[in-house]
Amino acid sequence: MKKTASSKKSKDTDDLKSEYRFDYRKAKPNRFAAVMSEGTVAVVLEPDVAAVFKSAEAVNSFLRSAISAMPKTLPPKRVLTRR
């Protein structure tokens, strides 16, 4: 049976091409840009961590509870002196 070109896998699938050409006439504005307010930070979670949380609200709720459990001030650093 003859293998088709689509069944072949390249060893360099992770490599970027040396040049990309984008047709800017067909480009569309980012429809999600209005949702992202100034000061918003996007964070990518690892798959095992993302599996625990079902929404952004759940992640934010957990992080806020972890922040509230943290000590408000750090204990003073002890300076070691040589004798």
PDB file of N, CA and C in Angstrom:
ATOM      1  N   MET A   1       0.839  -1.169   0.000  1.00  0.00           N
ATOM      2  CA  MET A   1       0.000   0.000   0.000  1.00  0.00           C
ATOM      3  C   MET A   1       0.889   1.239   0.000  1.00  0.00           C
ATOM      4  N   LYS A   2       0.528   2.202  -0.793  1.00  0.00           N
ATOM      5  CA  LYS A   2       1.313   3.411  -0.936  1.00  0.00           C
ATOM      6  C   LYS A   2       0.932   4.419   0.145  1.00  0.00           C
ATOM      7  N   LYS A   3       1.928   4.990   0.805  1.00  0.00           N
ATOM      8  CA  LYS A   3       1.669   5.991   1.835  1.00  0.00           C
ATOM      9  C   LYS A   3       1.380   7.333   1.178  1.00  0.00           C
ATOM     10  N   THR A   4       0.427   8.057   1.741  1.00  0.00           N
ATOM     11  CA  THR A   4       0.112   9.384   1.228  1.00  0.00           C
ATOM     12  C   THR A   4       0.989  10.414   1.899  1.00  0.00           C
ATOM     13  N   ALA A   5       1.052  11.582   1.316  1.00  0.00           N
ATOM     14  CA  ALA A   5       1.891  12.650   1.847  1.00  0.00           C
ATOM     15  C   ALA A   5       1.394  13.122   3.213  1.00  0.00           C
ATOM     16  N   SER A   6       0.085  13.032   3.466  1.00  0.00           N
ATOM     17  CA  SER A   6      -0.447  13.513   4.735  1.00  0.00           C
ATOM     18  C   SER A   6      -0.098  12.590   5.888  1.00  0.00           C
ATOM     19  N   SER A   7       0.258  11.345   5.612  1.00  0.00           N
ATOM     20  CA  SER A   7       0.592  10.431   6.689  1.00  0.00           C
ATOM     21  C   SER A   7       2.050  10.558   7.134  1.00  0.00           C
ATOM     22  N   LYS A   8       2.858  11.262   6.342  1.00  0.00           N
ATOM     23  CA  LYS A   8       4.256  11.459   6.705  1.00  0.00           C
ATOM     24  C   LYS A   8       4.360  12.507   7.801  1.00  0.00           C
ATOM     25  N   LYS A   9       5.214  12.256   8.747  1.00  0.00           N
ATOM     26  CA  LYS A   9       5.442  13.219   9.818  1.00  0.00           C
ATOM     27  C   LYS A   9       6.856  13.748   9.702  1.00  0.00           C
ATOM     28  N   SER A  10       6.963  15.045   9.762  1.00  0.00           N
ATOM     29  CA  SER A  10       8.262  15.685   9.673  1.00  0.00           C
ATOM     30  C   SER A  10       8.948  15.651  11.035  1.00  0.00           C
ATOM     31  N   LYS A  11      10.255  15.480  11.031  1.00  0.00           N
ATOM     32  CA  LYS A  11      11.016  15.505  12.273  1.00  0.00           C
ATOM     33  C   LYS A  11      11.124  16.927  12.810  1.00  0.00           C
ATOM     34  N   ASP A  12      10.969  17.917  11.949  1.00  0.00           N
ATOM     35  CA  ASP A  12      11.137  19.318  12.336  1.00  0.00           C
ATOM     36  C   ASP A  12       9.795  20.011  12.514  1.00  0.00           C
ATOM     37  N   THR A  13       8.818  19.375  13.117  1.00  0.00           N
ATOM     38  CA  THR A  13       7.500  19.990  13.270  1.00  0.00           C
ATOM     39  C   THR A  13       7.514  21.141  14.260  1.00  0.00           C
ATOM     40  N   ASP A  14       8.473  21.192  15.182  1.00  0.00           N
ATOM     41  CA  ASP A  14       8.528  22.258  16.165  1.00  0.00           C
ATOM     42  C   ASP A  14       9.325  23.470  15.675  1.00  0.00           C
ATOM     43  N   ASP A  15      10.028  23.337  14.582  1.00  0.00           N
ATOM     44  CA  ASP A  15      10.851  24.428  14.080  1.00  0.00           C
ATOM     45  C   ASP A  15       9.991  25.458  13.355  1.00  0.00           C
ATOM     46  N   LEU A  16      10.370  26.708  13.492  1.00  0.00           N
ATOM     47  CA  LEU A  16       9.683  27.778  12.783  1.00  0.00           C
ATOM     48  C   LEU A  16      10.266  27.927  11.393  1.00  0.00           C
ATOM     49  N   LYS A  17       9.430  28.334  10.486  1.00  0.00           N
ATOM     50  CA  LYS A  17       9.911  28.605   9.142  1.00  0.00           C
ATOM     51  C   LYS A  17      10.733  29.878   9.169  1.00  0.00           C
ATOM     52  N   SER A  18      11.598  30.033   8.195  1.00  0.00           N
ATOM     53  CA  SER A  18      12.460  31.210   8.174  1.00  0.00           C
ATOM     54  C   SER A  18      11.682  32.475   7.831  1.00  0.00           C
ATOM     55  N   GLU A  19      10.537  32.335   7.189  1.00  0.00           N
ATOM     56  CA  GLU A  19       9.774  33.511   6.798  1.00  0.00           C
ATOM     57  C   GLU A  19       8.287  33.184   6.783  1.00  0.00           C
ATOM     58  N   TYR A  20       7.494  34.101   7.270  1.00  0.00           N
ATOM     59  CA  TYR A  20       6.043  33.980   7.221  1.00  0.00           C
ATOM     60  C   TYR A  20       5.498  35.197   6.495  1.00  0.00           C
ATOM     61  N   ARG A  21       4.512  34.990   5.664  1.00  0.00           N
ATOM     62  CA  ARG A  21       3.878  36.106   4.959  1.00  0.00           C
ATOM     63  C   ARG A  21       2.421  36.189   5.414  1.00  0.00           C
ATOM     64  N   PHE A  22       2.056  37.345   5.939  1.00  0.00           N
ATOM     65  CA  PHE A  22       0.699  37.569   6.397  1.00  0.00           C
ATOM     66  C   PHE A  22       0.020  38.550   5.446  1.00  0.00           C
ATOM     67  N   ASP A  23      -1.196  38.245   5.087  1.00  0.00           N
ATOM     68  CA  ASP A  23      -1.965  39.139   4.241  1.00  0.00           C
ATOM     69  C   ASP A  23      -2.722  40.093   5.157  1.00  0.00           C
ATOM     70  N   TYR A  24      -2.189  41.290   5.333  1.00  0.00           N
ATOM     71  CA  TYR A  24      -2.767  42.247   6.264  1.00  0.00           C
ATOM     72  C   TYR A  24      -4.083  42.825   5.750  1.00  0.00           C
ATOM     73  N   ARG A  25      -4.379  42.661   4.486  1.00  0.00           N
ATOM     74  CA  ARG A  25      -5.658  43.152   3.974  1.00  0.00           C
ATOM     75  C   ARG A  25      -6.810  42.300   4.492  1.00  0.00           C
ATOM     76  N   LYS A  26      -6.546  41.053   4.808  1.00  0.00           N
ATOM     77  CA  LYS A  26      -7.580  40.152   5.307  1.00  0.00           C
ATOM     78  C   LYS A  26      -7.604  40.083   6.829  1.00  0.00           C
ATOM     79  N   ALA A  27      -6.699  40.794   7.471  1.00  0.00           N
ATOM     80  CA  ALA A  27      -6.601  40.746   8.927  1.00  0.00           C
ATOM     81  C   ALA A  27      -7.827  41.390   9.560  1.00  0.00           C
ATOM     82  N   LYS A  28      -8.231  40.854  10.703  1.00  0.00           N
ATOM     83  CA  LYS A  28      -9.375  41.378  11.432  1.00  0.00           C
ATOM     84  C   LYS A  28      -8.908  41.824  12.818  1.00  0.00           C
ATOM     85  N   PRO A  29      -9.564  42.830  13.383  1.00  0.00           N
ATOM     86  CA  PRO A  29      -9.173  43.247  14.732  1.00  0.00           C
ATOM     87  C   PRO A  29      -9.488  42.157  15.750  1.00  0.00           C
ATOM     88  N   ASN A  30      -8.780  42.169  16.838  1.00  0.00           N
ATOM     89  CA  ASN A  30      -8.979  41.184  17.900  1.00  0.00           C
ATOM     90  C   ASN A  30     -10.327  41.434  18.566  1.00  0.00           C
ATOM     91  N   ARG A  31     -11.238  40.487  18.447  1.00  0.00           N
ATOM     92  CA  ARG A  31     -12.581  40.682  19.001  1.00  0.00           C
ATOM     93  C   ARG A  31     -12.599  40.553  20.523  1.00  0.00           C
ATOM     94  N   PHE A  32     -11.538  40.028  21.104  1.00  0.00           N
ATOM     95  CA  PHE A  32     -11.466  39.866  22.553  1.00  0.00           C
ATOM     96  C   PHE A  32     -10.737  41.028  23.229  1.00  0.00           C
ATOM     97  N   ALA A  33     -10.208  41.946  22.460  1.00  0.00           N
ATOM     98  CA  ALA A  33      -9.419  43.039  23.026  1.00  0.00           C
ATOM     99  C   ALA A  33     -10.252  43.923  23.940  1.00  0.00           C
ATOM    100  N   ALA A  34     -11.521  44.127  23.623  1.00  0.00           N
ATOM    101  CA  ALA A  34     -12.362  44.990  24.451  1.00  0.00           C
ATOM    102  C   ALA A  34     -12.608  44.370  25.824  1.00  0.00           C
ATOM    103  N   VAL A  35     -12.618  43.051  25.909  1.00  0.00           N
ATOM    104  CA  VAL A  35     -12.859  42.362  27.171  1.00  0.00           C
ATOM    105  C   VAL A  35     -11.658  42.510  28.102  1.00  0.00           C
ATOM    106  N   MET A  36     -10.490  42.531  27.534  1.00  0.00           N
ATOM    107  CA  MET A  36      -9.276  42.651  28.330  1.00  0.00           C
ATOM    108  C   MET A  36      -9.091  44.109  28.726  1.00  0.00           C
ATOM    109  N   SER A  37      -9.274  44.378  29.990  1.00  0.00           N
ATOM    110  CA  SER A  37      -9.114  45.745  30.457  1.00  0.00           C
ATOM    111  C   SER A  37      -7.652  46.011  30.777  1.00  0.00           C
ATOM    112  N   GLU A  38      -7.324  47.267  30.946  1.00  0.00           N
ATOM    113  CA  GLU A  38      -5.955  47.623  31.291  1.00  0.00           C
ATOM    114  C   GLU A  38      -5.632  47.058  32.670  1.00  0.00           C
ATOM    115  N   GLY A  39      -4.506  46.475  32.811  1.00  0.00           N
ATOM    116  CA  GLY A  39      -4.124  45.867  34.073  1.00  0.00           C
ATOM    117  C   GLY A  39      -4.424  44.379  34.119  1.00  0.00           C
ATOM    118  N   THR A  40      -5.055  43.845  33.096  1.00  0.00           N
ATOM    119  CA  THR A  40      -5.340  42.413  33.048  1.00  0.00           C
ATOM    120  C   THR A  40      -4.094  41.673  32.601  1.00  0.00           C
ATOM    121  N   VAL A  41      -3.802  40.578  33.265  1.00  0.00           N
ATOM    122  CA  VAL A  41      -2.647  39.765  32.926  1.00  0.00           C
ATOM    123  C   VAL A  41      -3.136  38.370  32.563  1.00  0.00           C
ATOM    124  N   ALA A  42      -2.714  37.878  31.430  1.00  0.00           N
ATOM    125  CA  ALA A  42      -3.068  36.528  31.011  1.00  0.00           C
ATOM    126  C   ALA A  42      -1.984  35.575  31.490  1.00  0.00           C
ATOM    127  N   VAL A  43      -2.394  34.463  32.096  1.00  0.00           N
ATOM    128  CA  VAL A  43      -1.466  33.467  32.617  1.00  0.00           C
ATOM    129  C   VAL A  43      -1.846  32.120  32.026  1.00  0.00           C
ATOM    130  N   VAL A  44      -0.865  31.373  31.564  1.00  0.00           N
ATOM    131  CA  VAL A  44      -1.106  30.046  31.013  1.00  0.00           C
ATOM    132  C   VAL A  44      -0.854  29.020  32.108  1.00  0.00           C
ATOM    133  N   LEU A  45      -1.878  28.215  32.382  1.00  0.00           N
ATOM    134  CA  LEU A  45      -1.754  27.182  33.408  1.00  0.00           C
ATOM    135  C   LEU A  45      -1.288  25.885  32.778  1.00  0.00           C
ATOM    136  N   GLU A  46      -0.539  25.116  33.523  1.00  0.00           N
ATOM    137  CA  GLU A  46      -0.159  23.786  33.072  1.00  0.00           C
ATOM    138  C   GLU A  46      -1.425  22.935  32.990  1.00  0.00           C
ATOM    139  N   PRO A  47      -1.461  21.941  32.105  1.00  0.00           N
ATOM    140  CA  PRO A  47      -2.679  21.142  31.922  1.00  0.00           C
ATOM    141  C   PRO A  47      -3.196  20.484  33.199  1.00  0.00           C
ATOM    142  N   ASP A  48      -2.300  19.981  34.048  1.00  0.00           N
ATOM    143  CA  ASP A  48      -2.767  19.323  35.278  1.00  0.00           C
ATOM    144  C   ASP A  48      -3.391  20.322  36.243  1.00  0.00           C
ATOM    145  N   VAL A  49      -2.890  21.544  36.263  1.00  0.00           N
ATOM    146  CA  VAL A  49      -3.470  22.579  37.121  1.00  0.00           C
ATOM    147  C   VAL A  49      -4.785  23.068  36.527  1.00  0.00           C
ATOM    148  N   ALA A  50      -4.822  23.263  35.221  1.00  0.00           N
ATOM    149  CA  ALA A  50      -6.038  23.734  34.556  1.00  0.00           C
ATOM    150  C   ALA A  50      -7.179  22.733  34.696  1.00  0.00           C
ATOM    151  N   ALA A  51      -6.860  21.455  34.828  1.00  0.00           N
ATOM    152  CA  ALA A  51      -7.905  20.442  34.974  1.00  0.00           C
ATOM    153  C   ALA A  51      -8.662  20.587  36.290  1.00  0.00           C
ATOM    154  N   VAL A  52      -8.040  21.196  37.290  1.00  0.00           N
ATOM    155  CA  VAL A  52      -8.670  21.368  38.599  1.00  0.00           C
ATOM    156  C   VAL A  52      -9.699  22.496  38.566  1.00  0.00           C
ATOM    157  N   PHE A  53      -9.414  23.548  37.799  1.00  0.00           N
ATOM    158  CA  PHE A  53     -10.266  24.729  37.773  1.00  0.00           C
ATOM    159  C   PHE A  53     -11.158  24.716  36.541  1.00  0.00           C
ATOM    160  N   LYS A  54     -12.421  25.032  36.742  1.00  0.00           N
ATOM    161  CA  LYS A  54     -13.374  25.003  35.635  1.00  0.00           C
ATOM    162  C   LYS A  54     -13.587  26.371  35.006  1.00  0.00           C
ATOM    163  N   SER A  55     -13.152  27.444  35.674  1.00  0.00           N
ATOM    164  CA  SER A  55     -13.357  28.784  35.125  1.00  0.00           C
ATOM    165  C   SER A  55     -12.307  29.738  35.686  1.00  0.00           C
ATOM    166  N   ALA A  56     -12.243  30.908  35.061  1.00  0.00           N
ATOM    167  CA  ALA A  56     -11.326  31.945  35.546  1.00  0.00           C
ATOM    168  C   ALA A  56     -11.752  32.427  36.927  1.00  0.00           C
ATOM    169  N   GLU A  57     -13.054  32.446  37.182  1.00  0.00           N
ATOM    170  CA  GLU A  57     -13.546  32.871  38.494  1.00  0.00           C
ATOM    171  C   GLU A  57     -13.072  31.919  39.588  1.00  0.00           C
ATOM    172  N   ALA A  58     -13.022  30.623  39.289  1.00  0.00           N
ATOM    173  CA  ALA A  58     -12.555  29.644  40.275  1.00  0.00           C
ATOM    174  C   ALA A  58     -11.077  29.851  40.588  1.00  0.00           C
ATOM    175  N   VAL A  59     -10.295  30.137  39.569  1.00  0.00           N
ATOM    176  CA  VAL A  59      -8.864  30.390  39.771  1.00  0.00           C
ATOM    177  C   VAL A  59      -8.677  31.651  40.607  1.00  0.00           C
ATOM    178  N   ASN A  60      -9.384  32.722  40.251  1.00  0.00           N
ATOM    179  CA  ASN A  60      -9.262  33.975  40.996  1.00  0.00           C
ATOM    180  C   ASN A  60      -9.710  33.814  42.443  1.00  0.00           C
ATOM    181  N   SER A  61     -10.781  33.072  42.666  1.00  0.00           N
ATOM    182  CA  SER A  61     -11.267  32.840  44.024  1.00  0.00           C
ATOM    183  C   SER A  61     -10.221  32.113  44.865  1.00  0.00           C
ATOM    184  N   PHE A  62      -9.615  31.079  44.288  1.00  0.00           N
ATOM    185  CA  PHE A  62      -8.597  30.332  45.009  1.00  0.00           C
ATOM    186  C   PHE A  62      -7.373  31.197  45.302  1.00  0.00           C
ATOM    187  N   LEU A  63      -6.944  31.963  44.314  1.00  0.00           N
ATOM    188  CA  LEU A  63      -5.767  32.815  44.524  1.00  0.00           C
ATOM    189  C   LEU A  63      -6.034  33.880  45.582  1.00  0.00           C
ATOM    190  N   ARG A  64      -7.231  34.448  45.585  1.00  0.00           N
ATOM    191  CA  ARG A  64      -7.559  35.442  46.609  1.00  0.00           C
ATOM    192  C   ARG A  64      -7.562  34.826  48.000  1.00  0.00           C
ATOM    193  N   SER A  65      -8.057  33.585  48.117  1.00  0.00           N
ATOM    194  CA  SER A  65      -8.044  32.935  49.428  1.00  0.00           C
ATOM    195  C   SER A  65      -6.615  32.616  49.868  1.00  0.00           C
ATOM    196  N   ALA A  66      -5.770  32.239  48.923  1.00  0.00           N
ATOM    197  CA  ALA A  66      -4.365  31.974  49.259  1.00  0.00           C
ATOM    198  C   ALA A  66      -3.667  33.260  49.673  1.00  0.00           C
ATOM    199  N   ILE A  67      -3.974  34.367  49.012  1.00  0.00           N
ATOM    200  CA  ILE A  67      -3.373  35.655  49.362  1.00  0.00           C
ATOM    201  C   ILE A  67      -3.812  36.088  50.750  1.00  0.00           C
ATOM    202  N   SER A  68      -5.099  35.881  51.069  1.00  0.00           N
ATOM    203  CA  SER A  68      -5.584  36.297  52.392  1.00  0.00           C
ATOM    204  C   SER A  68      -4.985  35.434  53.504  1.00  0.00           C
ATOM    205  N   ALA A  69      -4.560  34.206  53.189  1.00  0.00           N
ATOM    206  CA  ALA A  69      -3.957  33.332  54.191  1.00  0.00           C
ATOM    207  C   ALA A  69      -2.478  33.650  54.419  1.00  0.00           C
ATOM    208  N   MET A  70      -1.888  34.417  53.521  1.00  0.00           N
ATOM    209  CA  MET A  70      -0.479  34.763  53.654  1.00  0.00           C
ATOM    210  C   MET A  70      -0.307  35.786  54.773  1.00  0.00           C
ATOM    211  N   PRO A  71       0.840  35.777  55.434  1.00  0.00           N
ATOM    212  CA  PRO A  71       1.070  36.785  56.482  1.00  0.00           C
ATOM    213  C   PRO A  71       1.111  38.182  55.862  1.00  0.00           C
ATOM    214  N   LYS A  72       0.567  39.133  56.602  1.00  0.00           N
ATOM    215  CA  LYS A  72       0.492  40.509  56.095  1.00  0.00           C
ATOM    216  C   LYS A  72       1.866  41.150  55.990  1.00  0.00           C
ATOM    217  N   THR A  73       2.712  40.896  56.964  1.00  0.00           N
ATOM    218  CA  THR A  73       4.070  41.434  56.928  1.00  0.00           C
ATOM    219  C   THR A  73       5.050  40.288  57.071  1.00  0.00           C
ATOM    220  N   LEU A  74       6.158  40.449  56.469  1.00  0.00           N
ATOM    221  CA  LEU A  74       7.197  39.439  56.582  1.00  0.00           C
ATOM    222  C   LEU A  74       7.964  39.664  57.878  1.00  0.00           C
ATOM    223  N   PRO A  75       8.380  38.593  58.525  1.00  0.00           N
ATOM    224  CA  PRO A  75       9.179  38.770  59.733  1.00  0.00           C
ATOM    225  C   PRO A  75      10.507  39.430  59.372  1.00  0.00           C
ATOM    226  N   PRO A  76      11.081  40.214  60.291  1.00  0.00           N
ATOM    227  CA  PRO A  76      12.351  40.880  59.987  1.00  0.00           C
ATOM    228  C   PRO A  76      13.455  39.860  59.747  1.00  0.00           C
ATOM    229  N   LYS A  77      14.312  40.175  58.796  1.00  0.00           N
ATOM    230  CA  LYS A  77      15.418  39.271  58.496  1.00  0.00           C
ATOM    231  C   LYS A  77      16.457  39.366  59.595  1.00  0.00           C
ATOM    232  N   ARG A  78      16.961  38.205  59.944  1.00  0.00           N
ATOM    233  CA  ARG A  78      18.011  38.166  60.977  1.00  0.00           C
ATOM    234  C   ARG A  78      19.355  38.358  60.281  1.00  0.00           C
ATOM    235  N   VAL A  79      20.107  39.263  60.818  1.00  0.00           N
ATOM    236  CA  VAL A  79      21.421  39.544  60.283  1.00  0.00           C
ATOM    237  C   VAL A  79      22.430  38.760  61.092  1.00  0.00           C
ATOM    238  N   LEU A  80      23.192  37.947  60.406  1.00  0.00           N
ATOM    239  CA  LEU A  80      24.216  37.170  61.076  1.00  0.00           C
ATOM    240  C   LEU A  80      25.485  37.986  61.183  1.00  0.00           C
ATOM    241  N   THR A  81      26.021  38.066  62.356  1.00  0.00           N
ATOM    242  CA  THR A  81      27.277  38.789  62.565  1.00  0.00           C
ATOM    243  C   THR A  81      28.358  37.795  62.924  1.00  0.00           C
ATOM    244  N   ARG A  82      29.532  38.100  62.494  1.00  0.00           N
ATOM    245  CA  ARG A  82      30.683  37.225  62.820  1.00  0.00           C
ATOM    246  C   ARG A  82      31.264  37.661  64.128  1.00  0.00           C
ATOM    247  N   ARG A  83      31.643  36.717  64.936  1.00  0.00           N
ATOM    248  CA  ARG A  83      32.228  37.032  66.242  1.00  0.00           C
ATOM    249  C   ARG A  83      33.684  36.759  66.260  1.00  0.00           C
TER     250      ARG A  83
END
